[in-house]
Amino acid sequence: MTEMMVTRRGLMLGAGAFALGACNNGIGSNGGAQIDARVDATQSYLFNQYPGTQDLAARASGVLYMPLMTEVGAGFGGAFGRGALRIGGVTVDYYSAAKGSFGLQIGAQQYAHALFFMEPGALESFRRSSGWAASADIRYASPEQGASIGKQTNELDPVIALVFGQQGLIAGASLAGIKYSRIIP
């Protein structure tokens, strides 16, 4: 019986690792150029689909674009993606995002997200940390708000997160528990 449980666990973990590896998330790619191309496409999509985000980005101290997050879960789950931090529309750093989870979950999904750093202090804290985790100081905006979110005159939240472009079989996408780390592509 013990051998059977180890085999199932190994199979589940192996399947999860294979699924994440097969998603072409930039791992082992040609580095910064590929990430920048994906970020350009994501930014263009975001601004075209949700026009208010262009104004929001213009007022933000910086924006972290994560063009492709891949999440897989079967009891144990995980998510991974790579993106770029842009200040004044220029890439200044590259980041990976990773998340592990355990619970009632099964399936896979992909999504994109952007973090708008509305206060210079929040951006500085993000850039100085060795691994920044999404926390309670983030306000989530829904894609339905995307047309008007940037038009608000006072954005008081230090970080505004927008999750969009979801595709897959896991309901919902949350940034809770995601850790962002600076990388050299």
N, C-alpha and C. Protein backbone atom coordinates (compact mmCIF):
# COMPACT_ATOMS: atom_id res chain seq x y z
N MET A 1 0.83 -1.20 0.00
CA MET A 1 0.00 0.00 0.00
C MET A 1 0.87 1.26 0.00
N THR A 2 1.96 1.24 0.78
CA THR A 2 2.83 2.40 0.82
C THR A 2 3.45 2.66 -0.55
N GLU A 3 3.87 1.61 -1.25
CA GLU A 3 4.42 1.78 -2.58
C GLU A 3 3.40 2.42 -3.52
N MET A 4 2.15 2.03 -3.40
CA MET A 4 1.09 2.58 -4.26
C MET A 4 0.93 4.08 -4.02
N MET A 5 0.97 4.55 -2.77
CA MET A 5 0.82 5.97 -2.47
C MET A 5 2.01 6.77 -3.00
N VAL A 6 3.20 6.25 -2.85
CA VAL A 6 4.38 6.93 -3.36
C VAL A 6 4.29 7.04 -4.88
N THR A 7 3.84 6.00 -5.52
CA THR A 7 3.70 6.01 -6.97
C THR A 7 2.67 7.04 -7.43
N ARG A 8 1.55 7.11 -6.76
CA ARG A 8 0.52 8.11 -7.11
C ARG A 8 1.04 9.52 -6.90
N ARG A 9 1.68 9.75 -5.76
CA ARG A 9 2.22 11.08 -5.45
C ARG A 9 3.25 11.46 -6.51
N GLY A 10 4.13 10.53 -6.83
CA GLY A 10 5.15 10.79 -7.85
C GLY A 10 4.53 11.08 -9.20
N LEU A 11 3.49 10.33 -9.52
CA LEU A 11 2.79 10.55 -10.79
C LEU A 11 2.16 11.94 -10.82
N MET A 12 1.52 12.35 -9.74
CA MET A 12 0.88 13.66 -9.68
C MET A 12 1.91 14.78 -9.78
N LEU A 13 2.98 14.65 -9.02
CA LEU A 13 4.01 15.69 -9.07
C LEU A 13 4.69 15.73 -10.43
N GLY A 14 4.95 14.55 -11.00
CA GLY A 14 5.56 14.49 -12.33
C GLY A 14 4.66 15.10 -13.39
N ALA A 15 3.37 14.81 -13.31
CA ALA A 15 2.41 15.37 -14.28
C ALA A 15 2.35 16.88 -14.15
N GLY A 16 2.37 17.38 -12.92
CA GLY A 16 2.34 18.83 -12.70
C GLY A 16 3.59 19.50 -13.24
N ALA A 17 4.74 18.90 -12.98
CA ALA A 17 6.00 19.46 -13.49
C ALA A 17 6.03 19.44 -15.01
N PHE A 18 5.56 18.34 -15.60
CA PHE A 18 5.51 18.23 -17.06
C PHE A 18 4.59 19.30 -17.65
N ALA A 19 3.42 19.47 -17.03
CA ALA A 19 2.46 20.45 -17.54
C ALA A 19 3.03 21.86 -17.49
N LEU A 20 3.69 22.19 -16.38
CA LEU A 20 4.29 23.52 -16.29
C LEU A 20 5.42 23.68 -17.29
N GLY A 21 6.22 22.66 -17.45
CA GLY A 21 7.33 22.72 -18.39
C GLY A 21 6.88 22.79 -19.83
N ALA A 22 5.76 22.18 -20.14
CA ALA A 22 5.27 22.12 -21.51
C ALA A 22 4.55 23.38 -21.94
N CYS A 23 4.34 24.31 -21.04
CA CYS A 23 3.54 25.48 -21.36
C CYS A 23 4.34 26.60 -22.03
N ASN A 24 5.61 26.39 -22.33
CA ASN A 24 6.44 27.39 -22.98
C ASN A 24 6.34 28.73 -22.27
N ASN A 25 6.70 28.73 -21.02
CA ASN A 25 6.61 29.92 -20.19
C ASN A 25 7.90 30.73 -20.19
N GLY A 26 8.76 30.51 -21.13
CA GLY A 26 9.98 31.29 -21.22
C GLY A 26 11.16 30.62 -20.55
N ILE A 27 10.96 29.47 -19.93
CA ILE A 27 12.05 28.78 -19.27
C ILE A 27 13.00 28.27 -20.34
N GLY A 28 14.27 28.58 -20.20
CA GLY A 28 15.25 28.13 -21.18
C GLY A 28 15.13 28.84 -22.51
N SER A 29 14.51 30.00 -22.52
CA SER A 29 14.30 30.73 -23.77
C SER A 29 15.48 31.66 -24.03
N ASN A 30 15.33 32.51 -25.03
CA ASN A 30 16.40 33.44 -25.36
C ASN A 30 16.34 34.69 -24.49
N GLY A 31 15.77 34.57 -23.31
CA GLY A 31 15.88 35.58 -22.29
C GLY A 31 15.03 36.81 -22.45
N GLY A 32 15.69 37.94 -22.20
CA GLY A 32 15.00 39.22 -22.12
C GLY A 32 14.22 39.60 -23.36
N ALA A 33 14.74 39.29 -24.53
CA ALA A 33 14.04 39.67 -25.77
C ALA A 33 12.68 39.00 -25.87
N GLN A 34 12.61 37.73 -25.50
CA GLN A 34 11.33 37.02 -25.56
C GLN A 34 10.37 37.55 -24.49
N ILE A 35 10.87 37.80 -23.30
CA ILE A 35 10.01 38.36 -22.24
C ILE A 35 9.49 39.72 -22.67
N ASP A 36 10.38 40.58 -23.21
CA ASP A 36 9.95 41.91 -23.65
C ASP A 36 8.90 41.84 -24.75
N ALA A 37 9.06 40.90 -25.67
CA ALA A 37 8.07 40.75 -26.76
C ALA A 37 6.71 40.36 -26.18
N ARG A 38 6.71 39.46 -25.22
CA ARG A 38 5.45 39.06 -24.58
C ARG A 38 4.84 40.20 -23.77
N VAL A 39 5.69 40.96 -23.09
CA VAL A 39 5.20 42.10 -22.32
C VAL A 39 4.62 43.16 -23.25
N ASP A 40 5.28 43.42 -24.38
CA ASP A 40 4.75 44.38 -25.36
C ASP A 40 3.36 43.96 -25.83
N ALA A 41 3.20 42.69 -26.16
CA ALA A 41 1.90 42.19 -26.63
C ALA A 41 0.85 42.27 -25.52
N THR A 42 1.24 41.96 -24.30
CA THR A 42 0.31 42.01 -23.17
C THR A 42 -0.10 43.44 -22.87
N GLN A 43 0.85 44.35 -22.89
CA GLN A 43 0.55 45.76 -22.64
C GLN A 43 -0.38 46.29 -23.71
N SER A 44 -0.13 45.97 -24.96
CA SER A 44 -0.98 46.41 -26.07
C SER A 44 -2.40 45.87 -25.90
N TYR A 45 -2.51 44.58 -25.59
CA TYR A 45 -3.82 43.96 -25.36
C TYR A 45 -4.54 44.65 -24.21
N LEU A 46 -3.83 44.86 -23.11
CA LEU A 46 -4.42 45.47 -21.93
C LEU A 46 -4.95 46.87 -22.25
N PHE A 47 -4.15 47.69 -22.90
CA PHE A 47 -4.56 49.06 -23.21
C PHE A 47 -5.71 49.10 -24.22
N ASN A 48 -5.74 48.15 -25.17
CA ASN A 48 -6.82 48.12 -26.16
C ASN A 48 -8.13 47.58 -25.58
N GLN A 49 -8.04 46.54 -24.76
CA GLN A 49 -9.24 45.93 -24.18
C GLN A 49 -9.81 46.73 -23.02
N TYR A 50 -8.94 47.34 -22.24
CA TYR A 50 -9.33 48.07 -21.03
C TYR A 50 -8.68 49.46 -21.08
N PRO A 51 -9.28 50.39 -21.83
CA PRO A 51 -8.65 51.68 -22.11
C PRO A 51 -8.24 52.48 -20.88
N GLY A 52 -8.96 52.35 -19.78
CA GLY A 52 -8.61 53.10 -18.58
C GLY A 52 -7.26 52.72 -18.00
N THR A 53 -6.78 51.53 -18.35
CA THR A 53 -5.49 51.09 -17.80
C THR A 53 -4.32 51.89 -18.38
N GLN A 54 -4.49 52.48 -19.54
CA GLN A 54 -3.42 53.30 -20.10
C GLN A 54 -3.19 54.53 -19.24
N ASP A 55 -4.27 55.17 -18.81
CA ASP A 55 -4.16 56.33 -17.92
C ASP A 55 -3.59 55.90 -16.56
N LEU A 56 -4.03 54.74 -16.08
CA LEU A 56 -3.53 54.22 -14.81
C LEU A 56 -2.02 53.98 -14.90
N ALA A 57 -1.56 53.37 -15.99
CA ALA A 57 -0.13 53.11 -16.16
C ALA A 57 0.66 54.42 -16.24
N ALA A 58 0.08 55.43 -16.87
CA ALA A 58 0.77 56.73 -16.98
C ALA A 58 0.95 57.38 -15.62
N ARG A 59 0.02 57.15 -14.69
CA ARG A 59 0.11 57.74 -13.35
C ARG A 59 0.87 56.87 -12.36
N ALA A 60 1.11 55.62 -12.72
CA ALA A 60 1.80 54.69 -11.82
C ALA A 60 3.30 54.99 -11.79
N SER A 61 3.93 54.68 -10.66
CA SER A 61 5.38 54.81 -10.55
C SER A 61 6.08 53.73 -11.37
N GLY A 62 5.41 52.62 -11.56
CA GLY A 62 5.92 51.51 -12.35
C GLY A 62 4.85 50.45 -12.50
N VAL A 63 5.00 49.59 -13.50
CA VAL A 63 4.03 48.52 -13.75
C VAL A 63 4.80 47.22 -13.99
N LEU A 64 4.40 46.18 -13.27
CA LEU A 64 4.95 44.85 -13.49
C LEU A 64 3.94 44.09 -14.35
N TYR A 65 4.38 43.69 -15.55
CA TYR A 65 3.53 42.92 -16.46
C TYR A 65 3.97 41.46 -16.40
N MET A 66 3.01 40.58 -16.12
CA MET A 66 3.25 39.14 -16.14
C MET A 66 2.38 38.59 -17.27
N PRO A 67 2.94 38.42 -18.48
CA PRO A 67 2.14 38.06 -19.64
C PRO A 67 1.52 36.67 -19.60
N LEU A 68 2.16 35.72 -18.95
CA LEU A 68 1.63 34.37 -18.98
C LEU A 68 1.95 33.66 -17.67
N MET A 69 0.92 33.50 -16.85
CA MET A 69 1.03 32.70 -15.64
C MET A 69 0.34 31.38 -15.95
N THR A 70 1.01 30.28 -15.66
CA THR A 70 0.45 28.96 -15.86
C THR A 70 0.25 28.33 -14.50
N GLU A 71 -0.98 27.90 -14.23
CA GLU A 71 -1.32 27.32 -12.93
C GLU A 71 -1.88 25.92 -13.15
N VAL A 72 -1.36 24.96 -12.40
CA VAL A 72 -1.79 23.57 -12.48
C VAL A 72 -2.07 23.10 -11.07
N GLY A 73 -3.17 22.36 -10.89
CA GLY A 73 -3.49 21.86 -9.57
C GLY A 73 -4.17 20.51 -9.62
N ALA A 74 -3.76 19.64 -8.71
CA ALA A 74 -4.40 18.33 -8.49
C ALA A 74 -4.15 18.00 -7.03
N GLY A 75 -4.85 18.69 -6.15
CA GLY A 75 -4.57 18.59 -4.71
C GLY A 75 -3.45 19.55 -4.38
N PHE A 76 -2.23 19.21 -4.80
CA PHE A 76 -1.11 20.15 -4.75
C PHE A 76 -1.13 20.93 -6.04
N GLY A 77 -0.77 22.20 -5.95
CA GLY A 77 -0.79 23.00 -7.17
C GLY A 77 0.37 23.97 -7.20
N GLY A 78 0.53 24.60 -8.31
CA GLY A 78 1.57 25.59 -8.46
C GLY A 78 1.31 26.46 -9.66
N ALA A 79 1.97 27.60 -9.66
CA ALA A 79 1.87 28.53 -10.77
C ALA A 79 3.25 29.13 -11.00
N PHE A 80 3.51 29.48 -12.25
CA PHE A 80 4.79 30.09 -12.58
C PHE A 80 4.63 30.99 -13.79
N GLY A 81 5.41 32.05 -13.82
CA GLY A 81 5.43 32.95 -14.96
C GLY A 81 6.63 33.87 -14.88
N ARG A 82 6.90 34.55 -15.98
CA ARG A 82 7.99 35.52 -16.04
C ARG A 82 7.47 36.79 -16.69
N GLY A 83 8.00 37.93 -16.25
CA GLY A 83 7.56 39.19 -16.80
C GLY A 83 8.59 40.27 -16.58
N ALA A 84 8.16 41.51 -16.79
CA ALA A 84 9.08 42.64 -16.72
C ALA A 84 8.45 43.81 -15.97
N LEU A 85 9.30 44.51 -15.24
CA LEU A 85 8.91 45.74 -14.56
C LEU A 85 9.28 46.90 -15.47
N ARG A 86 8.30 47.74 -15.74
CA ARG A 86 8.54 48.90 -16.58
C ARG A 86 8.30 50.18 -15.79
N ILE A 87 9.23 51.08 -15.94
CA ILE A 87 9.12 52.41 -15.34
C ILE A 87 9.23 53.41 -16.48
N GLY A 88 8.22 54.25 -16.61
CA GLY A 88 8.19 55.19 -17.73
C GLY A 88 8.14 54.49 -19.07
N GLY A 89 7.55 53.29 -19.12
CA GLY A 89 7.42 52.54 -20.36
C GLY A 89 8.67 51.77 -20.77
N VAL A 90 9.72 51.80 -19.94
CA VAL A 90 10.98 51.14 -20.26
C VAL A 90 11.21 49.99 -19.28
N THR A 91 11.62 48.82 -19.79
CA THR A 91 11.92 47.68 -18.93
C THR A 91 13.16 47.98 -18.11
N VAL A 92 13.04 47.83 -16.77
CA VAL A 92 14.18 48.06 -15.88
C VAL A 92 14.63 46.78 -15.19
N ASP A 93 13.75 45.80 -15.05
CA ASP A 93 14.09 44.53 -14.40
C ASP A 93 13.15 43.44 -14.92
N TYR A 94 13.62 42.20 -14.77
CA TYR A 94 12.80 41.03 -15.11
C TYR A 94 12.50 40.28 -13.82
N TYR A 95 11.31 39.68 -13.77
CA TYR A 95 10.87 38.97 -12.57
C TYR A 95 10.24 37.64 -12.93
N SER A 96 10.36 36.72 -11.98
CA SER A 96 9.60 35.48 -12.06
C SER A 96 8.57 35.54 -10.93
N ALA A 97 7.49 34.84 -11.12
CA ALA A 97 6.45 34.73 -10.10
C ALA A 97 6.17 33.25 -9.90
N ALA A 98 6.14 32.83 -8.65
CA ALA A 98 5.90 31.42 -8.34
C ALA A 98 4.92 31.32 -7.19
N LYS A 99 4.11 30.28 -7.23
CA LYS A 99 3.08 30.08 -6.21
C LYS A 99 2.91 28.59 -6.00
N GLY A 100 2.79 28.19 -4.76
CA GLY A 100 2.47 26.81 -4.43
C GLY A 100 1.19 26.78 -3.63
N SER A 101 0.41 25.72 -3.78
CA SER A 101 -0.85 25.65 -3.05
C SER A 101 -1.21 24.20 -2.76
N PHE A 102 -2.11 24.05 -1.83
CA PHE A 102 -2.62 22.73 -1.46
C PHE A 102 -4.08 22.90 -1.11
N GLY A 103 -4.93 22.01 -1.58
CA GLY A 103 -6.34 22.10 -1.24
C GLY A 103 -7.20 21.45 -2.31
N LEU A 104 -8.47 21.79 -2.26
CA LEU A 104 -9.42 21.24 -3.22
C LEU A 104 -9.29 21.97 -4.54
N GLN A 105 -8.49 21.43 -5.41
CA GLN A 105 -8.26 22.03 -6.72
C GLN A 105 -7.89 20.94 -7.70
N ILE A 106 -8.33 21.11 -8.90
CA ILE A 106 -7.92 20.21 -9.97
C ILE A 106 -8.11 20.95 -11.29
N GLY A 107 -7.14 20.86 -12.15
CA GLY A 107 -7.24 21.51 -13.44
C GLY A 107 -6.02 22.34 -13.76
N ALA A 108 -6.14 23.16 -14.78
CA ALA A 108 -5.06 24.03 -15.22
C ALA A 108 -5.66 25.29 -15.82
N GLN A 109 -4.93 26.36 -15.73
CA GLN A 109 -5.36 27.60 -16.36
C GLN A 109 -4.15 28.47 -16.65
N GLN A 110 -4.35 29.41 -17.55
CA GLN A 110 -3.35 30.41 -17.84
C GLN A 110 -4.03 31.77 -17.76
N TYR A 111 -3.27 32.75 -17.34
CA TYR A 111 -3.79 34.10 -17.23
C TYR A 111 -2.63 35.08 -17.23
N ALA A 112 -2.95 36.33 -17.41
CA ALA A 112 -1.97 37.41 -17.34
C ALA A 112 -2.36 38.32 -16.19
N HIS A 113 -1.40 39.06 -15.67
CA HIS A 113 -1.75 40.08 -14.70
C HIS A 113 -0.74 41.22 -14.74
N ALA A 114 -1.18 42.34 -14.23
CA ALA A 114 -0.34 43.52 -14.15
C ALA A 114 -0.49 44.11 -12.75
N LEU A 115 0.63 44.52 -12.18
CA LEU A 115 0.63 45.21 -10.89
C LEU A 115 1.02 46.66 -11.15
N PHE A 116 0.12 47.58 -10.81
CA PHE A 116 0.36 49.01 -10.97
C PHE A 116 0.81 49.56 -9.61
N PHE A 117 2.05 50.01 -9.52
CA PHE A 117 2.58 50.57 -8.28
C PHE A 117 2.26 52.06 -8.27
N MET A 118 1.25 52.43 -7.48
CA MET A 118 0.74 53.79 -7.50
C MET A 118 1.51 54.73 -6.60
N GLU A 119 2.31 54.21 -5.69
CA GLU A 119 3.11 55.03 -4.79
C GLU A 119 4.59 54.70 -4.99
N PRO A 120 5.45 55.70 -5.04
CA PRO A 120 6.88 55.43 -5.19
C PRO A 120 7.43 54.52 -4.09
N GLY A 121 6.92 54.66 -2.87
CA GLY A 121 7.38 53.82 -1.77
C GLY A 121 7.06 52.35 -1.99
N ALA A 122 5.89 52.06 -2.54
CA ALA A 122 5.51 50.68 -2.82
C ALA A 122 6.42 50.09 -3.90
N LEU A 123 6.73 50.87 -4.92
CA LEU A 123 7.63 50.41 -5.98
C LEU A 123 9.03 50.18 -5.42
N GLU A 124 9.51 51.09 -4.60
CA GLU A 124 10.84 50.95 -4.02
C GLU A 124 10.92 49.72 -3.12
N SER A 125 9.90 49.49 -2.33
CA SER A 125 9.86 48.31 -1.47
C SER A 125 9.89 47.03 -2.31
N PHE A 126 9.15 47.02 -3.40
CA PHE A 126 9.14 45.87 -4.30
C PHE A 126 10.52 45.63 -4.89
N ARG A 127 11.16 46.67 -5.37
CA ARG A 127 12.46 46.53 -6.04
C ARG A 127 13.58 46.18 -5.06
N ARG A 128 13.49 46.59 -3.82
CA ARG A 128 14.55 46.33 -2.85
C ARG A 128 14.45 44.95 -2.21
N SER A 129 13.29 44.34 -2.28
CA SER A 129 13.10 43.05 -1.60
C SER A 129 13.77 41.93 -2.39
N SER A 130 14.22 40.91 -1.66
CA SER A 130 14.84 39.77 -2.33
C SER A 130 13.75 38.82 -2.86
N GLY A 131 12.55 38.95 -2.36
CA GLY A 131 11.41 38.16 -2.82
C GLY A 131 10.16 38.78 -2.26
N TRP A 132 9.38 39.43 -3.08
CA TRP A 132 8.21 40.19 -2.65
C TRP A 132 6.97 39.33 -2.83
N ALA A 133 6.16 39.25 -1.79
CA ALA A 133 4.93 38.46 -1.86
C ALA A 133 3.73 39.38 -1.90
N ALA A 134 2.78 39.04 -2.76
CA ALA A 134 1.53 39.79 -2.84
C ALA A 134 0.86 39.74 -1.48
N SER A 135 0.41 40.90 -0.98
CA SER A 135 -0.14 40.94 0.37
C SER A 135 -1.41 41.78 0.42
N ALA A 136 -1.79 42.14 1.62
CA ALA A 136 -3.06 42.83 1.84
C ALA A 136 -3.09 44.25 1.29
N ASP A 137 -1.94 44.84 0.97
CA ASP A 137 -1.96 46.22 0.48
C ASP A 137 -2.27 46.32 -1.01
N ILE A 138 -2.63 45.20 -1.62
CA ILE A 138 -3.00 45.21 -3.03
C ILE A 138 -4.51 45.33 -3.16
N ARG A 139 -4.94 46.20 -4.06
CA ARG A 139 -6.36 46.28 -4.39
C ARG A 139 -6.55 45.59 -5.73
N TYR A 140 -7.51 44.69 -5.80
CA TYR A 140 -7.79 43.98 -7.04
C TYR A 140 -8.82 44.75 -7.83
N ALA A 141 -8.56 44.92 -9.11
CA ALA A 141 -9.51 45.53 -10.02
C ALA A 141 -9.98 44.43 -10.97
N SER A 142 -11.24 44.45 -11.29
CA SER A 142 -11.76 43.45 -12.22
C SER A 142 -11.63 43.97 -13.64
N PRO A 143 -11.53 43.06 -14.61
CA PRO A 143 -11.47 43.51 -16.00
C PRO A 143 -12.66 44.38 -16.39
N GLU A 144 -13.81 44.16 -15.76
CA GLU A 144 -14.98 44.97 -16.07
C GLU A 144 -14.75 46.43 -15.69
N GLN A 145 -13.88 46.68 -14.71
CA GLN A 145 -13.55 48.05 -14.32
C GLN A 145 -12.49 48.65 -15.22
N GLY A 146 -11.91 47.86 -16.08
CA GLY A 146 -10.76 48.28 -16.88
C GLY A 146 -10.98 49.52 -17.71
N ALA A 147 -12.21 49.76 -18.14
CA ALA A 147 -12.48 50.94 -18.96
C ALA A 147 -12.46 52.21 -18.13
N SER A 148 -12.75 52.10 -16.84
CA SER A 148 -12.86 53.31 -16.02
C SER A 148 -11.85 53.41 -14.89
N ILE A 149 -11.13 52.34 -14.59
CA ILE A 149 -10.27 52.35 -13.41
C ILE A 149 -9.24 53.48 -13.44
N GLY A 150 -8.63 53.73 -14.57
CA GLY A 150 -7.62 54.77 -14.65
C GLY A 150 -8.18 56.17 -14.66
N LYS A 151 -9.48 56.30 -14.83
CA LYS A 151 -10.12 57.61 -14.91
C LYS A 151 -10.43 58.19 -13.53
N GLN A 152 -10.30 57.35 -12.49
CA GLN A 152 -10.55 57.85 -11.15
C GLN A 152 -9.48 58.87 -10.81
N THR A 153 -9.88 59.96 -10.17
CA THR A 153 -8.94 61.04 -9.92
C THR A 153 -7.96 60.72 -8.79
N ASN A 154 -8.36 59.93 -7.81
CA ASN A 154 -7.49 59.62 -6.69
C ASN A 154 -7.32 58.12 -6.54
N GLU A 155 -6.17 57.61 -6.85
CA GLU A 155 -5.85 56.21 -6.60
C GLU A 155 -5.06 56.17 -5.30
N LEU A 156 -5.71 55.75 -4.21
CA LEU A 156 -5.09 55.77 -2.90
C LEU A 156 -4.40 54.46 -2.54
N ASP A 157 -4.64 53.43 -3.31
CA ASP A 157 -4.05 52.14 -3.01
C ASP A 157 -2.60 52.11 -3.49
N PRO A 158 -1.69 51.55 -2.68
CA PRO A 158 -0.28 51.52 -3.09
C PRO A 158 -0.03 50.64 -4.31
N VAL A 159 -0.78 49.53 -4.43
CA VAL A 159 -0.61 48.61 -5.57
C VAL A 159 -2.00 48.19 -6.04
N ILE A 160 -2.23 48.27 -7.34
CA ILE A 160 -3.49 47.82 -7.93
C ILE A 160 -3.16 46.67 -8.87
N ALA A 161 -3.84 45.55 -8.69
CA ALA A 161 -3.61 44.35 -9.50
C ALA A 161 -4.81 44.13 -10.42
N LEU A 162 -4.51 43.80 -11.65
CA LEU A 162 -5.54 43.46 -12.62
C LEU A 162 -5.18 42.10 -13.22
N VAL A 163 -6.06 41.11 -13.02
CA VAL A 163 -5.89 39.77 -13.58
C VAL A 163 -6.82 39.68 -14.78
N PHE A 164 -6.29 39.24 -15.92
CA PHE A 164 -7.10 39.23 -17.14
C PHE A 164 -6.65 38.10 -18.07
N GLY A 165 -7.46 37.85 -19.09
CA GLY A 165 -7.12 36.86 -20.11
C GLY A 165 -7.13 35.42 -19.61
N GLN A 166 -7.99 35.12 -18.64
CA GLN A 166 -8.01 33.77 -18.07
C GLN A 166 -8.55 32.75 -19.06
N GLN A 167 -7.85 31.62 -19.14
CA GLN A 167 -8.29 30.49 -19.95
C GLN A 167 -7.92 29.22 -19.21
N GLY A 168 -8.87 28.32 -19.10
CA GLY A 168 -8.56 27.05 -18.47
C GLY A 168 -9.70 26.52 -17.64
N LEU A 169 -9.36 25.53 -16.82
CA LEU A 169 -10.38 24.79 -16.09
C LEU A 169 -10.41 25.03 -14.59
N ILE A 170 -9.55 25.90 -14.05
CA ILE A 170 -9.61 26.23 -12.63
C ILE A 170 -10.39 27.54 -12.54
N ALA A 171 -11.41 27.56 -11.69
CA ALA A 171 -12.22 28.77 -11.57
C ALA A 171 -11.46 29.83 -10.80
N GLY A 172 -11.37 31.02 -11.37
CA GLY A 172 -10.77 32.15 -10.69
C GLY A 172 -9.26 32.11 -10.69
N ALA A 173 -8.66 33.25 -10.52
CA ALA A 173 -7.21 33.36 -10.39
C ALA A 173 -6.95 34.36 -9.29
N SER A 174 -6.09 34.02 -8.38
CA SER A 174 -5.76 34.91 -7.28
C SER A 174 -4.26 35.08 -7.24
N LEU A 175 -3.82 36.23 -6.82
CA LEU A 175 -2.40 36.48 -6.67
C LEU A 175 -1.94 36.20 -5.25
N ALA A 176 -2.86 35.79 -4.38
CA ALA A 176 -2.50 35.48 -3.00
C ALA A 176 -1.45 34.38 -2.97
N GLY A 177 -0.39 34.62 -2.24
CA GLY A 177 0.65 33.61 -2.09
C GLY A 177 1.68 33.59 -3.20
N ILE A 178 1.58 34.46 -4.17
CA ILE A 178 2.58 34.50 -5.25
C ILE A 178 3.79 35.28 -4.75
N LYS A 179 4.96 34.74 -5.01
CA LYS A 179 6.20 35.41 -4.65
C LYS A 179 6.91 35.84 -5.93
N TYR A 180 7.29 37.10 -5.98
CA TYR A 180 7.98 37.67 -7.13
C TYR A 180 9.47 37.79 -6.80
N SER A 181 10.31 37.36 -7.71
CA SER A 181 11.75 37.42 -7.51
C SER A 181 12.41 37.97 -8.77
N ARG A 182 13.39 38.84 -8.57
CA ARG A 182 14.13 39.40 -9.70
C ARG A 182 14.97 38.31 -10.34
N ILE A 183 15.01 38.30 -11.66
CA ILE A 183 15.79 37.28 -12.38
C ILE A 183 16.68 37.97 -13.42
N ILE A 184 17.66 37.25 -13.87
CA ILE A 184 18.48 37.66 -15.00
C ILE A 184 18.20 36.68 -16.11
N PRO A 185 17.45 37.09 -17.13
CA PRO A 185 17.04 36.14 -18.17
C PRO A 185 18.21 35.69 -19.05
